[in-house]
Amino acid sequence: MAEANLRYYSGYAKLTREYFDELAGSIQGARKTPTSSGGVIGAAPTRRKDSPSPPPAMALEGKLGTSPVGAFVVENGLARVVRAPLLASSFRGPGGAEISLPLTFDPEEIDLAPGDQVLVRVTAPIEEGLEPGAQYRGDVTVPGLPGTRVGLVIRRDPQD
């Protein structure tokens, strides 16, 4: 039974990664602008050529009181087991204002053998303090596992 679950989640993680790669390629082609590895999830506003682009990020957007969900894959490319919590940074909003959002991760902690991967779900509450339409940027990391920074953009629906 455990082996069947492992095969299921490994296949699901691979399918999710392929989906996000395809989505990023579609967005990149539509915008005709280069992106760094990982692609862009969600639409980005048009920017002037001389203004720097923010790094790619997964966008979680919703109306006040909702909790949008996103998912990403974490893979252990090291030659040792990695056990670590997922950590979220603070988020920066308009004008550089820093806020803390209580993100929820499933699983809350990873335990990966070398070469293993896991699909992580992240949930972000859309709270009263978030300005409608404003982007709040932060990231998620796994201490001790290089290359696991996942950029997040939390946004309250502009029509809210």
N, C-alpha and C. Protein backbone atom coordinates (compact mmCIF):
# COMPACT_ATOMS: atom_id res chain seq x y z
N MET A 1 0.83 -1.19 0.00
CA MET A 1 0.00 0.00 0.00
C MET A 1 0.87 1.26 0.00
N ALA A 2 1.91 1.25 0.86
CA ALA A 2 2.81 2.41 0.93
C ALA A 2 3.51 2.64 -0.40
N GLU A 3 3.90 1.54 -1.07
CA GLU A 3 4.57 1.67 -2.36
C GLU A 3 3.63 2.27 -3.40
N ALA A 4 2.37 1.86 -3.37
CA ALA A 4 1.38 2.42 -4.30
C ALA A 4 1.19 3.91 -4.05
N ASN A 5 1.13 4.31 -2.79
CA ASN A 5 1.01 5.74 -2.46
C ASN A 5 2.22 6.51 -2.95
N LEU A 6 3.42 5.94 -2.75
CA LEU A 6 4.64 6.61 -3.19
C LEU A 6 4.64 6.80 -4.70
N ARG A 7 4.24 5.74 -5.44
CA ARG A 7 4.18 5.86 -6.89
C ARG A 7 3.15 6.90 -7.32
N TYR A 8 2.01 6.93 -6.64
CA TYR A 8 0.96 7.89 -6.97
C TYR A 8 1.47 9.32 -6.78
N TYR A 9 2.06 9.62 -5.61
CA TYR A 9 2.50 10.97 -5.35
C TYR A 9 3.71 11.36 -6.19
N SER A 10 4.58 10.41 -6.51
CA SER A 10 5.69 10.71 -7.41
C SER A 10 5.16 11.09 -8.79
N GLY A 11 4.18 10.32 -9.28
CA GLY A 11 3.57 10.64 -10.57
C GLY A 11 2.84 11.97 -10.55
N TYR A 12 2.13 12.23 -9.46
CA TYR A 12 1.41 13.49 -9.30
C TYR A 12 2.38 14.67 -9.28
N ALA A 13 3.50 14.51 -8.56
CA ALA A 13 4.50 15.58 -8.50
C ALA A 13 5.10 15.84 -9.88
N LYS A 14 5.38 14.77 -10.62
CA LYS A 14 5.94 14.93 -11.97
C LYS A 14 4.94 15.64 -12.88
N LEU A 15 3.68 15.22 -12.81
CA LEU A 15 2.63 15.84 -13.62
C LEU A 15 2.48 17.33 -13.26
N THR A 16 2.52 17.65 -11.97
CA THR A 16 2.41 19.03 -11.53
C THR A 16 3.56 19.87 -12.07
N ARG A 17 4.78 19.33 -11.98
CA ARG A 17 5.95 20.05 -12.48
C ARG A 17 5.81 20.30 -13.98
N GLU A 18 5.39 19.28 -14.75
CA GLU A 18 5.22 19.44 -16.19
C GLU A 18 4.15 20.49 -16.50
N TYR A 19 3.06 20.49 -15.71
CA TYR A 19 2.00 21.47 -15.90
C TYR A 19 2.53 22.89 -15.72
N PHE A 20 3.27 23.11 -14.62
CA PHE A 20 3.80 24.45 -14.36
C PHE A 20 4.83 24.85 -15.41
N ASP A 21 5.64 23.90 -15.89
CA ASP A 21 6.60 24.20 -16.96
C ASP A 21 5.87 24.63 -18.22
N GLU A 22 4.80 23.90 -18.59
CA GLU A 22 4.01 24.26 -19.77
C GLU A 22 3.33 25.62 -19.59
N LEU A 23 2.78 25.85 -18.41
CA LEU A 23 2.12 27.12 -18.13
C LEU A 23 3.11 28.27 -18.22
N ALA A 24 4.28 28.08 -17.65
CA ALA A 24 5.31 29.12 -17.71
C ALA A 24 5.72 29.39 -19.15
N GLY A 25 5.85 28.33 -19.95
CA GLY A 25 6.20 28.51 -21.36
C GLY A 25 5.13 29.26 -22.12
N SER A 26 3.87 28.99 -21.82
CA SER A 26 2.76 29.69 -22.48
C SER A 26 2.75 31.16 -22.13
N ILE A 27 2.95 31.46 -20.85
CA ILE A 27 2.96 32.85 -20.42
C ILE A 27 4.15 33.58 -21.02
N GLN A 28 5.31 32.91 -21.03
CA GLN A 28 6.51 33.53 -21.60
C GLN A 28 6.28 33.84 -23.08
N GLY A 29 5.69 32.89 -23.81
CA GLY A 29 5.42 33.13 -25.23
C GLY A 29 4.42 34.24 -25.44
N ALA A 30 3.41 34.31 -24.59
CA ALA A 30 2.39 35.34 -24.72
C ALA A 30 2.95 36.72 -24.44
N ARG A 31 3.85 36.81 -23.45
CA ARG A 31 4.43 38.10 -23.08
C ARG A 31 5.64 38.45 -23.92
N LYS A 32 6.25 37.42 -24.56
CA LYS A 32 7.45 37.60 -25.38
C LYS A 32 8.55 38.29 -24.60
N THR A 33 8.70 37.92 -23.34
CA THR A 33 9.81 38.41 -22.53
C THR A 33 10.49 37.22 -21.90
N PRO A 34 11.81 37.28 -21.72
CA PRO A 34 12.51 36.15 -21.12
C PRO A 34 12.20 36.03 -19.64
N THR A 35 12.27 34.79 -19.15
CA THR A 35 12.11 34.56 -17.73
C THR A 35 13.29 33.75 -17.25
N SER A 36 13.56 33.81 -15.95
CA SER A 36 14.61 32.97 -15.40
C SER A 36 14.03 31.59 -15.19
N SER A 37 14.87 30.64 -14.84
CA SER A 37 14.40 29.26 -14.69
C SER A 37 13.27 29.19 -13.68
N GLY A 38 12.32 28.34 -13.94
CA GLY A 38 11.16 28.22 -13.06
C GLY A 38 9.93 28.86 -13.67
N GLY A 39 10.10 29.82 -14.58
CA GLY A 39 8.96 30.42 -15.25
C GLY A 39 8.16 31.34 -14.37
N VAL A 40 7.07 31.80 -14.91
CA VAL A 40 6.20 32.74 -14.22
C VAL A 40 4.84 32.10 -14.07
N ILE A 41 4.30 32.14 -12.87
CA ILE A 41 2.96 31.63 -12.63
C ILE A 41 2.06 32.83 -12.40
N GLY A 42 1.03 32.98 -13.19
CA GLY A 42 0.13 34.12 -13.06
C GLY A 42 0.53 35.24 -13.99
N ALA A 43 -0.37 36.14 -14.26
CA ALA A 43 -0.10 37.26 -15.16
C ALA A 43 0.65 38.35 -14.43
N ALA A 44 1.53 39.01 -15.15
CA ALA A 44 2.29 40.10 -14.57
C ALA A 44 1.90 41.40 -15.26
N PRO A 45 1.94 42.51 -14.54
CA PRO A 45 1.61 43.78 -15.17
C PRO A 45 2.67 44.17 -16.19
N THR A 46 2.28 44.95 -17.18
CA THR A 46 3.23 45.43 -18.17
C THR A 46 4.19 46.42 -17.50
N ARG A 47 5.47 46.28 -17.83
CA ARG A 47 6.50 47.14 -17.22
C ARG A 47 7.25 47.88 -18.32
N ARG A 48 7.78 49.03 -17.95
CA ARG A 48 8.64 49.75 -18.88
C ARG A 48 9.93 48.96 -19.05
N LYS A 49 10.57 49.10 -20.21
CA LYS A 49 11.80 48.36 -20.49
C LYS A 49 12.91 48.68 -19.50
N ASP A 50 12.96 49.91 -19.00
CA ASP A 50 14.06 50.29 -18.11
C ASP A 50 13.79 49.97 -16.64
N SER A 51 12.61 49.45 -16.30
CA SER A 51 12.34 49.11 -14.91
C SER A 51 12.62 47.63 -14.69
N PRO A 52 13.26 47.27 -13.58
CA PRO A 52 13.61 45.87 -13.36
C PRO A 52 12.37 45.02 -13.11
N SER A 53 12.40 43.81 -13.62
CA SER A 53 11.29 42.88 -13.40
C SER A 53 11.51 42.15 -12.08
N PRO A 54 10.43 41.91 -11.35
CA PRO A 54 10.58 41.11 -10.14
C PRO A 54 10.86 39.66 -10.53
N PRO A 55 11.47 38.89 -9.65
CA PRO A 55 11.72 37.48 -9.98
C PRO A 55 10.40 36.73 -10.13
N PRO A 56 10.42 35.60 -10.87
CA PRO A 56 9.20 34.81 -11.04
C PRO A 56 8.65 34.34 -9.69
N ALA A 57 7.34 34.22 -9.61
CA ALA A 57 6.72 33.80 -8.36
C ALA A 57 5.38 33.12 -8.64
N MET A 58 4.95 32.29 -7.69
CA MET A 58 3.63 31.68 -7.75
C MET A 58 2.66 32.68 -7.11
N ALA A 59 1.54 32.94 -7.78
CA ALA A 59 0.57 33.91 -7.28
C ALA A 59 -0.60 33.20 -6.60
N LEU A 60 -0.94 33.69 -5.42
CA LEU A 60 -2.12 33.21 -4.69
C LEU A 60 -3.02 34.42 -4.48
N GLU A 61 -4.19 34.41 -5.12
CA GLU A 61 -5.09 35.56 -5.07
C GLU A 61 -6.48 35.11 -4.67
N GLY A 62 -7.15 35.94 -3.89
CA GLY A 62 -8.51 35.62 -3.50
C GLY A 62 -9.22 36.80 -2.87
N LYS A 63 -10.48 36.61 -2.62
CA LYS A 63 -11.29 37.62 -1.95
C LYS A 63 -11.06 37.56 -0.45
N LEU A 64 -11.40 38.65 0.23
CA LEU A 64 -11.27 38.74 1.68
C LEU A 64 -11.94 37.54 2.34
N GLY A 65 -11.22 36.90 3.26
CA GLY A 65 -11.75 35.77 4.00
C GLY A 65 -11.51 34.41 3.35
N THR A 66 -10.98 34.40 2.13
CA THR A 66 -10.69 33.11 1.49
C THR A 66 -9.24 32.73 1.75
N SER A 67 -8.89 31.52 1.38
CA SER A 67 -7.52 31.02 1.54
C SER A 67 -7.11 30.27 0.28
N PRO A 68 -6.60 31.00 -0.75
CA PRO A 68 -6.19 30.33 -1.98
C PRO A 68 -5.04 29.35 -1.72
N VAL A 69 -4.99 28.31 -2.56
CA VAL A 69 -4.01 27.24 -2.40
C VAL A 69 -3.14 27.16 -3.65
N GLY A 70 -1.86 26.91 -3.45
CA GLY A 70 -0.93 26.66 -4.53
C GLY A 70 -0.14 25.40 -4.20
N ALA A 71 0.61 24.90 -5.17
CA ALA A 71 1.41 23.70 -4.93
C ALA A 71 2.73 23.82 -5.67
N PHE A 72 3.76 23.24 -5.09
CA PHE A 72 5.07 23.18 -5.73
C PHE A 72 5.76 21.90 -5.30
N VAL A 73 6.76 21.49 -6.06
CA VAL A 73 7.49 20.26 -5.79
C VAL A 73 8.84 20.61 -5.16
N VAL A 74 9.21 19.88 -4.12
CA VAL A 74 10.53 20.00 -3.51
C VAL A 74 11.24 18.68 -3.77
N GLU A 75 12.45 18.77 -4.30
CA GLU A 75 13.23 17.58 -4.62
C GLU A 75 14.55 17.62 -3.88
N ASN A 76 14.96 16.46 -3.35
CA ASN A 76 16.24 16.35 -2.66
C ASN A 76 17.30 15.89 -3.65
N GLY A 77 18.13 16.82 -4.10
CA GLY A 77 19.22 16.51 -5.02
C GLY A 77 20.52 16.21 -4.30
N LEU A 78 20.48 16.15 -2.98
CA LEU A 78 21.67 15.87 -2.19
C LEU A 78 21.86 14.36 -2.01
N ALA A 79 23.03 13.98 -1.55
CA ALA A 79 23.34 12.57 -1.34
C ALA A 79 23.05 12.15 0.10
N ARG A 80 22.22 12.90 0.79
CA ARG A 80 21.87 12.59 2.17
C ARG A 80 20.40 12.89 2.40
N VAL A 81 19.85 12.31 3.46
CA VAL A 81 18.46 12.56 3.84
C VAL A 81 18.33 13.99 4.33
N VAL A 82 17.23 14.63 3.97
CA VAL A 82 16.96 15.99 4.45
C VAL A 82 15.64 15.98 5.20
N ARG A 83 15.71 16.44 6.45
CA ARG A 83 14.51 16.63 7.28
C ARG A 83 14.52 18.09 7.70
N ALA A 84 13.49 18.81 7.30
CA ALA A 84 13.47 20.24 7.62
C ALA A 84 12.06 20.80 7.49
N PRO A 85 11.78 21.88 8.24
CA PRO A 85 10.48 22.55 8.09
C PRO A 85 10.50 23.44 6.85
N LEU A 86 9.34 23.82 6.38
CA LEU A 86 9.24 24.83 5.33
C LEU A 86 9.12 26.18 6.04
N LEU A 87 9.90 27.14 5.60
CA LEU A 87 9.90 28.46 6.24
C LEU A 87 9.47 29.53 5.27
N ALA A 88 8.58 30.41 5.71
CA ALA A 88 8.13 31.54 4.90
C ALA A 88 8.80 32.81 5.40
N SER A 89 9.21 33.64 4.47
CA SER A 89 9.76 34.95 4.83
C SER A 89 8.60 35.89 5.18
N SER A 90 8.95 37.08 5.59
CA SER A 90 7.92 38.12 5.69
C SER A 90 7.61 38.55 4.25
N PHE A 91 6.55 39.29 4.07
CA PHE A 91 6.14 39.73 2.75
C PHE A 91 6.25 41.25 2.66
N ARG A 92 6.64 41.73 1.49
CA ARG A 92 6.75 43.18 1.26
C ARG A 92 5.63 43.61 0.34
N GLY A 93 4.93 44.65 0.78
CA GLY A 93 3.83 45.18 0.00
C GLY A 93 4.19 46.47 -0.67
N PRO A 94 3.17 47.25 -1.03
CA PRO A 94 3.40 48.54 -1.69
C PRO A 94 4.30 49.44 -0.84
N GLY A 95 5.24 50.06 -1.48
CA GLY A 95 6.14 50.98 -0.78
C GLY A 95 7.12 50.29 0.14
N GLY A 96 7.22 48.96 0.06
CA GLY A 96 8.18 48.23 0.88
C GLY A 96 7.69 47.87 2.27
N ALA A 97 6.41 48.14 2.56
CA ALA A 97 5.87 47.80 3.88
C ALA A 97 5.99 46.29 4.09
N GLU A 98 6.47 45.89 5.27
CA GLU A 98 6.68 44.48 5.58
C GLU A 98 5.55 43.96 6.46
N ILE A 99 4.98 42.81 6.06
CA ILE A 99 3.93 42.17 6.85
C ILE A 99 4.24 40.69 7.01
N SER A 100 3.63 40.08 7.99
CA SER A 100 3.78 38.65 8.22
C SER A 100 2.43 38.00 7.95
N LEU A 101 2.43 36.95 7.14
CA LEU A 101 1.20 36.22 6.84
C LEU A 101 1.32 34.80 7.36
N PRO A 102 0.28 34.29 8.02
CA PRO A 102 0.34 32.93 8.57
C PRO A 102 0.05 31.88 7.49
N LEU A 103 1.08 31.54 6.70
CA LEU A 103 0.91 30.53 5.66
C LEU A 103 0.79 29.15 6.30
N THR A 104 0.07 28.27 5.62
CA THR A 104 -0.07 26.88 6.06
C THR A 104 0.54 25.99 4.99
N PHE A 105 1.37 25.03 5.42
CA PHE A 105 2.00 24.09 4.49
C PHE A 105 1.51 22.68 4.78
N ASP A 106 1.37 21.90 3.71
CA ASP A 106 1.03 20.48 3.84
C ASP A 106 1.92 19.71 2.87
N PRO A 107 2.92 19.01 3.38
CA PRO A 107 3.26 18.79 4.77
C PRO A 107 3.95 20.01 5.37
N GLU A 108 3.96 20.10 6.70
CA GLU A 108 4.61 21.21 7.40
C GLU A 108 6.12 21.06 7.39
N GLU A 109 6.57 19.83 7.25
CA GLU A 109 8.00 19.51 7.30
C GLU A 109 8.27 18.44 6.25
N ILE A 110 9.46 18.51 5.63
CA ILE A 110 9.79 17.49 4.65
C ILE A 110 10.77 16.50 5.24
N ASP A 111 10.72 15.28 4.76
CA ASP A 111 11.62 14.20 5.15
C ASP A 111 11.90 13.43 3.87
N LEU A 112 13.00 13.79 3.20
CA LEU A 112 13.27 13.24 1.87
C LEU A 112 14.60 12.49 1.82
N ALA A 113 14.56 11.31 1.27
CA ALA A 113 15.77 10.55 0.98
C ALA A 113 16.41 11.15 -0.28
N PRO A 114 17.67 10.86 -0.55
CA PRO A 114 18.31 11.38 -1.77
C PRO A 114 17.51 11.01 -3.02
N GLY A 115 17.26 12.01 -3.87
CA GLY A 115 16.53 11.80 -5.11
C GLY A 115 15.02 11.81 -4.99
N ASP A 116 14.50 11.82 -3.77
CA ASP A 116 13.04 11.84 -3.58
C ASP A 116 12.49 13.24 -3.76
N GLN A 117 11.19 13.31 -4.00
CA GLN A 117 10.51 14.59 -4.13
C GLN A 117 9.15 14.50 -3.45
N VAL A 118 8.62 15.67 -3.10
CA VAL A 118 7.32 15.74 -2.45
C VAL A 118 6.57 16.96 -2.99
N LEU A 119 5.27 16.81 -3.12
CA LEU A 119 4.41 17.91 -3.51
C LEU A 119 3.97 18.64 -2.25
N VAL A 120 4.22 19.94 -2.20
CA VAL A 120 3.87 20.75 -1.04
C VAL A 120 2.73 21.68 -1.42
N ARG A 121 1.69 21.69 -0.59
CA ARG A 121 0.58 22.64 -0.78
C ARG A 121 0.80 23.80 0.18
N VAL A 122 0.57 25.00 -0.32
CA VAL A 122 0.67 26.20 0.52
C VAL A 122 -0.66 26.93 0.45
N THR A 123 -1.12 27.38 1.61
CA THR A 123 -2.38 28.12 1.71
C THR A 123 -2.08 29.46 2.35
N ALA A 124 -2.64 30.53 1.78
CA ALA A 124 -2.43 31.88 2.30
C ALA A 124 -3.77 32.53 2.60
N PRO A 125 -3.99 32.96 3.83
CA PRO A 125 -5.26 33.63 4.15
C PRO A 125 -5.28 35.05 3.58
N ILE A 126 -6.39 35.42 3.00
CA ILE A 126 -6.56 36.80 2.50
C ILE A 126 -7.23 37.58 3.62
N GLU A 127 -6.43 38.43 4.27
CA GLU A 127 -6.87 39.13 5.48
C GLU A 127 -7.21 40.60 5.21
N GLU A 128 -7.87 41.20 6.18
CA GLU A 128 -8.31 42.60 6.11
C GLU A 128 -7.16 43.57 5.84
N GLY A 129 -5.98 43.31 6.37
CA GLY A 129 -4.84 44.22 6.22
C GLY A 129 -4.24 44.27 4.83
N LEU A 130 -4.64 43.38 3.94
CA LEU A 130 -4.11 43.37 2.57
C LEU A 130 -4.90 44.34 1.71
N GLU A 131 -4.20 45.23 1.06
CA GLU A 131 -4.82 46.23 0.19
C GLU A 131 -5.30 45.55 -1.10
N PRO A 132 -6.57 45.75 -1.49
CA PRO A 132 -7.06 45.12 -2.72
C PRO A 132 -6.20 45.48 -3.93
N GLY A 133 -5.81 44.47 -4.70
CA GLY A 133 -5.02 44.67 -5.91
C GLY A 133 -3.53 44.81 -5.70
N ALA A 134 -3.09 45.00 -4.47
CA ALA A 134 -1.65 45.16 -4.20
C ALA A 134 -0.98 43.80 -4.13
N GLN A 135 0.29 43.75 -4.56
CA GLN A 135 1.05 42.52 -4.50
C GLN A 135 1.93 42.53 -3.25
N TYR A 136 1.94 41.40 -2.55
CA TYR A 136 2.78 41.21 -1.38
C TYR A 136 3.71 40.05 -1.70
N ARG A 137 5.03 40.36 -1.82
CA ARG A 137 6.02 39.37 -2.26
C ARG A 137 6.84 38.83 -1.10
N GLY A 138 7.03 37.52 -1.12
CA GLY A 138 7.87 36.84 -0.15
C GLY A 138 8.32 35.53 -0.75
N ASP A 139 8.88 34.66 0.08
CA ASP A 139 9.28 33.37 -0.44
C ASP A 139 9.26 32.28 0.62
N VAL A 140 9.36 31.05 0.15
CA VAL A 140 9.40 29.86 0.99
C VAL A 140 10.73 29.18 0.73
N THR A 141 11.38 28.72 1.79
CA THR A 141 12.63 27.98 1.65
C THR A 141 12.60 26.74 2.53
N VAL A 142 13.51 25.82 2.23
CA VAL A 142 13.73 24.64 3.05
C VAL A 142 15.18 24.72 3.52
N PRO A 143 15.42 25.03 4.80
CA PRO A 143 16.79 25.14 5.30
C PRO A 143 17.56 23.84 5.06
N GLY A 144 18.78 23.98 4.59
CA GLY A 144 19.63 22.82 4.36
C GLY A 144 19.42 22.15 3.02
N LEU A 145 18.53 22.69 2.20
CA LEU A 145 18.30 22.13 0.87
C LEU A 145 18.44 23.24 -0.16
N PRO A 146 19.62 23.36 -0.76
CA PRO A 146 19.88 24.44 -1.71
C PRO A 146 18.92 24.42 -2.91
N GLY A 147 18.61 25.60 -3.41
CA GLY A 147 17.78 25.72 -4.61
C GLY A 147 16.30 25.53 -4.37
N THR A 148 15.85 25.67 -3.14
CA THR A 148 14.43 25.45 -2.86
C THR A 148 13.65 26.73 -2.63
N ARG A 149 14.20 27.87 -2.98
CA ARG A 149 13.46 29.12 -2.80
C ARG A 149 12.31 29.17 -3.80
N VAL A 150 11.10 29.33 -3.29
CA VAL A 150 9.91 29.47 -4.12
C VAL A 150 9.33 30.86 -3.85
N GLY A 151 9.32 31.70 -4.86
CA GLY A 151 8.75 33.03 -4.72
C GLY A 151 7.23 32.96 -4.67
N LEU A 152 6.64 33.76 -3.77
CA LEU A 152 5.18 33.82 -3.65
C LEU A 152 4.72 35.27 -3.78
N VAL A 153 3.60 35.45 -4.43
CA VAL A 153 2.91 36.73 -4.47
C VAL A 153 1.52 36.49 -3.91
N ILE A 154 1.18 37.20 -2.84
CA ILE A 154 -0.15 37.12 -2.25
C ILE A 154 -0.89 38.40 -2.67
N ARG A 155 -2.12 38.23 -3.13
CA ARG A 155 -2.86 39.39 -3.63
C ARG A 155 -4.34 39.25 -3.30
N ARG A 156 -4.87 40.30 -2.74
CA ARG A 156 -6.31 40.36 -2.49
C ARG A 156 -6.99 40.83 -3.77
N ASP A 157 -8.09 40.20 -4.12
CA ASP A 157 -8.81 40.51 -5.35
C ASP A 157 -9.04 42.01 -5.46
N PRO A 158 -8.67 42.62 -6.62
CA PRO A 158 -8.83 44.07 -6.78
C PRO A 158 -10.30 44.53 -6.71
N GLN A 159 -11.25 43.62 -6.99
CA GLN A 159 -12.67 43.97 -6.96
C GLN A 159 -13.28 43.79 -5.58
N ASP A 160 -12.46 43.42 -4.60
CA ASP A 160 -12.95 43.12 -3.25
C ASP A 160 -13.18 44.39 -2.46
